[in-house]
Protein backbone atom coordinates (compact mmCIF):
# COMPACT_ATOMS: atom_id res chain seq x y z
CA MET A 1 150.46 76.32 118.71
CA LYS A 2 148.11 79.34 117.31
CA GLN A 3 149.69 78.91 114.12
CA SER A 4 149.13 74.97 113.63
CA PHE A 5 145.48 75.58 114.84
CA LEU A 6 144.80 77.97 112.31
CA ILE A 7 146.35 75.71 109.81
CA ILE A 8 144.19 72.68 110.58
CA LEU A 9 141.07 74.99 110.97
CA THR A 10 141.83 76.04 107.51
CA LEU A 11 142.25 72.65 105.72
CA LEU A 12 138.75 71.42 107.34
CA THR A 13 137.31 74.65 105.95
CA LEU A 14 138.86 74.18 102.50
CA ASN A 15 137.30 70.41 102.70
CA CYS A 16 133.98 71.46 103.30
CA PHE A 17 134.08 73.27 99.89
CA GLY A 18 135.16 70.43 97.37
CA THR A 19 137.67 67.75 97.20
CA THR A 20 139.93 66.55 94.22
CA THR A 21 140.35 62.77 93.80
CA LYS A 22 141.09 60.12 91.33
CA VAL A 23 138.59 57.70 90.58
CA THR A 24 139.71 54.20 90.70
CA ARG A 25 136.83 51.87 89.96
CA VAL A 26 133.25 52.24 88.93
CA ILE A 27 130.88 50.08 90.91
CA ASP A 28 127.34 50.99 88.99
CA GLY A 29 125.76 53.81 87.25
CA ASP A 30 125.85 55.95 90.48
CA THR A 31 128.74 54.89 92.68
CA PHE A 32 132.35 54.56 92.34
CA GLU A 33 135.54 54.01 94.48
CA THR A 34 138.25 56.95 94.83
CA GLU A 35 142.17 56.14 95.10
CA THR A 36 141.87 56.39 98.99
CA GLY A 37 139.24 53.67 99.27
CA GLU A 38 136.29 56.01 99.71
CA ARG A 39 132.89 54.97 98.16
CA VAL A 40 130.98 57.80 96.63
CA ARG A 41 127.25 58.12 95.44
CA LEU A 42 126.15 60.77 92.87
CA VAL A 43 123.95 62.89 94.54
CA GLY A 44 120.75 63.86 92.91
CA ILE A 45 120.53 60.88 90.61
CA ASN A 46 119.57 56.92 90.63
CA ALA A 47 120.94 54.69 88.15
CA PRO A 48 119.49 51.26 87.33
CA GLU A 49 120.76 48.37 89.64
CA ILE A 50 123.43 46.19 87.67
CA SER A 51 120.95 43.32 87.50
CA ASP A 52 118.08 45.48 86.17
CA ILE A 53 117.60 46.67 82.84
CA PHE A 54 120.11 49.28 81.30
CA GLY A 55 122.01 48.44 84.90
CA GLU A 56 125.37 47.33 82.64
CA ASP A 57 124.77 50.20 80.19
CA SER A 58 124.66 52.89 83.02
CA LYS A 59 127.98 51.50 84.65
CA GLN A 60 129.67 51.55 81.50
CA HIS A 61 128.61 55.37 80.87
CA LEU A 62 129.92 56.23 84.15
CA ILE A 63 132.84 54.18 83.51
CA ASP A 64 133.42 56.08 80.11
CA LEU A 65 133.01 59.46 81.86
CA ILE A 66 135.26 59.35 84.84
CA GLU A 67 137.22 55.82 85.72
CA GLY A 68 140.91 56.54 85.94
CA LYS A 69 140.38 60.60 85.87
CA THR A 70 140.83 63.12 88.60
CA VAL A 71 137.50 64.60 89.75
CA ASP A 72 136.35 67.29 91.82
CA LEU A 73 134.03 66.34 94.69
CA GLU A 74 131.26 68.87 95.85
CA ALA A 75 128.81 68.34 98.47
CA ASP A 76 125.03 69.04 98.37
CA HIS A 77 123.78 71.70 101.00
CA ILE A 78 120.51 70.12 101.55
CA SER A 79 121.50 66.39 101.89
CA ASN A 80 123.40 64.33 104.21
CA ASP A 81 127.17 63.88 103.96
CA ARG A 82 126.71 60.27 103.61
CA ASP A 83 123.77 57.74 103.16
CA ARG A 84 123.07 54.89 104.71
CA TYR A 85 125.58 52.83 103.45
CA GLY A 86 128.35 55.17 104.48
CA ARG A 87 128.96 56.17 101.11
CA LEU A 88 129.74 59.76 100.37
CA LEU A 89 127.14 61.58 98.80
CA ARG A 90 128.71 64.51 96.06
CA TYR A 91 128.41 65.85 93.19
CA VAL A 92 131.30 64.93 90.36
CA ILE A 93 132.60 67.51 88.52
CA LEU A 94 135.29 66.83 85.68
CA ASN A 95 136.57 69.93 83.82
CA GLY A 96 133.71 71.90 84.67
CA ASN A 97 130.90 69.49 83.58
CA ASP A 98 128.46 67.97 86.23
CA ILE A 99 128.75 64.69 85.75
CA ASN A 100 125.50 63.59 87.94
CA LYS A 101 123.77 65.68 85.62
CA GLN A 102 125.29 64.35 82.55
CA MET A 103 124.29 60.93 83.35
CA VAL A 104 120.75 62.10 83.39
CA PHE A 105 120.95 63.70 80.30
CA ASP A 106 122.63 61.21 78.63
CA GLY A 107 119.38 58.96 79.67
CA PHE A 108 121.46 56.58 81.79
CA ALA A 109 120.16 57.45 85.29
CA PHE A 110 117.06 59.15 86.77
CA ALA A 111 117.09 62.41 88.51
CA TYR A 112 115.98 61.51 92.08
CA LEU A 113 113.27 63.78 93.03
CA LYS A 114 111.70 62.07 95.61
CA TYR A 115 113.62 64.24 98.22
CA HIS A 116 115.01 67.83 97.63
CA PHE A 117 118.78 68.63 96.52
CA ASP A 118 120.47 71.80 95.12
CA LYS A 119 120.32 71.01 91.66
CA GLU A 120 116.69 69.50 91.38
CA THR A 121 115.51 71.85 88.63
CA GLU A 122 118.64 71.43 86.62
CA TYR A 123 118.31 67.44 86.91
CA LYS A 124 114.69 67.64 86.13
CA GLU A 125 115.36 69.67 82.70
CA ALA A 126 118.13 67.13 81.87
CA GLN A 127 115.50 64.05 82.41
CA ILE A 128 112.96 65.66 80.32
CA SER A 129 115.37 66.47 77.75
CA ALA A 130 116.69 62.79 77.79
CA ASN A 131 113.01 61.90 77.29
CA GLN A 132 112.13 64.15 74.63
CA ASN A 133 115.46 62.77 72.88
CA ASN A 134 114.64 59.27 73.47
CA VAL A 135 118.28 58.66 74.55
CA GLY A 136 119.52 55.94 76.74
CA ILE A 137 116.89 54.70 79.19
CA TRP A 138 114.29 57.04 77.41
CA GLY A 139 115.00 55.38 74.19
CA SER A 140 113.85 51.60 75.11
CA ASN A 141 110.68 50.43 73.82
CA LYS A 142 110.78 49.01 77.66
CA LYS A 143 110.68 52.47 79.27
CA GLU A 144 107.37 52.11 81.01
CA LYS A 145 108.75 48.85 82.98
CA ILE A 146 112.07 50.88 83.79
CA VAL A 147 110.12 53.96 85.05
CA SER A 148 108.00 51.60 87.30
CA GLU A 149 111.23 49.65 88.27
CA GLN A 150 113.07 52.82 89.29
CA ASN A 151 109.98 54.11 91.29
CA SER A 152 109.51 50.84 93.43
CA ASN A 153 113.26 50.42 94.12
CA SER A 154 114.06 53.97 94.91
CA GLU A 155 116.40 54.15 97.78
CA SER A 156 115.93 57.20 100.33
CA PHE A 157 119.58 58.83 100.69
CA PHE A 158 118.31 62.39 101.56
CA SER A 159 117.25 63.44 104.60
CA ASN A 160 114.29 65.95 105.14
CA ILE A 161 116.74 68.90 106.27
CA SER A 162 115.13 72.45 105.66
CA ALA A 163 117.33 75.18 104.37
CA LYS A 164 116.86 77.04 107.78
CA THR A 165 118.93 74.05 109.33
CA TYR A 166 121.67 75.02 107.09
CA LEU A 167 121.24 78.70 107.65
CA ILE A 168 121.57 78.17 111.70
CA GLY A 169 124.58 76.05 110.94
CA GLY A 170 126.46 78.63 108.99
CA PHE A 171 125.80 81.31 111.24
CA ILE A 172 126.91 79.25 114.17
CA ILE A 173 130.18 78.38 112.24
CA ILE A 174 130.69 82.13 111.71
CA LEU A 175 130.31 82.84 115.27
CA ILE A 176 132.92 80.36 115.96
CA PHE A 177 135.21 81.83 113.73
CA ILE A 178 134.61 85.15 115.12
CA GLY A 179 135.45 83.67 118.54
CA PHE A 180 138.55 82.16 117.57
CA TYR A 181 139.61 85.46 115.83
CA TYR A 182 138.84 87.68 119.06
CA TYR A 183 140.57 84.34 121.21
CA PHE A 184 143.98 84.52 119.17
CA LYS A 185 144.20 88.31 118.79
CA LYS A 186 145.08 88.76 122.07
């Protein structure tokens, strides 16, 4: 009984740090589906909608990067686990490469800076680089229209949870582990 409980607890803990999954279908430039049918939204970015300028280009770029490949999904420590549509909010890592950041760097998505997330500074720098290098969205003569559409269509998928909340939650988890240790030590 004690062993099976510890195994379950270990698996749940490992799940918090990251998951490996295969990407079966890219839906748009910031959303895809996994082999389990789970929908995943890339944290920290916002790509043009399919019906918007560069929407299809953005989707195709994400397809080229991850569709049919096995990726690692990592949670953000500041944002929610899921957005208001029930999609997982994750960083996507492929062979050590941050795909979310790559989408911004290549000019096929915007850094979503309206709310805070772990890699906010990195993504902002990637967006500045894409703009300076005139790539993707930033290379278009319609970039002012795209940027204004982006700002008016932004969806709110992060909550305003402070870092203090996560510290308190982490402390509580540590206390729970200590309690289980002493309980099962008997």
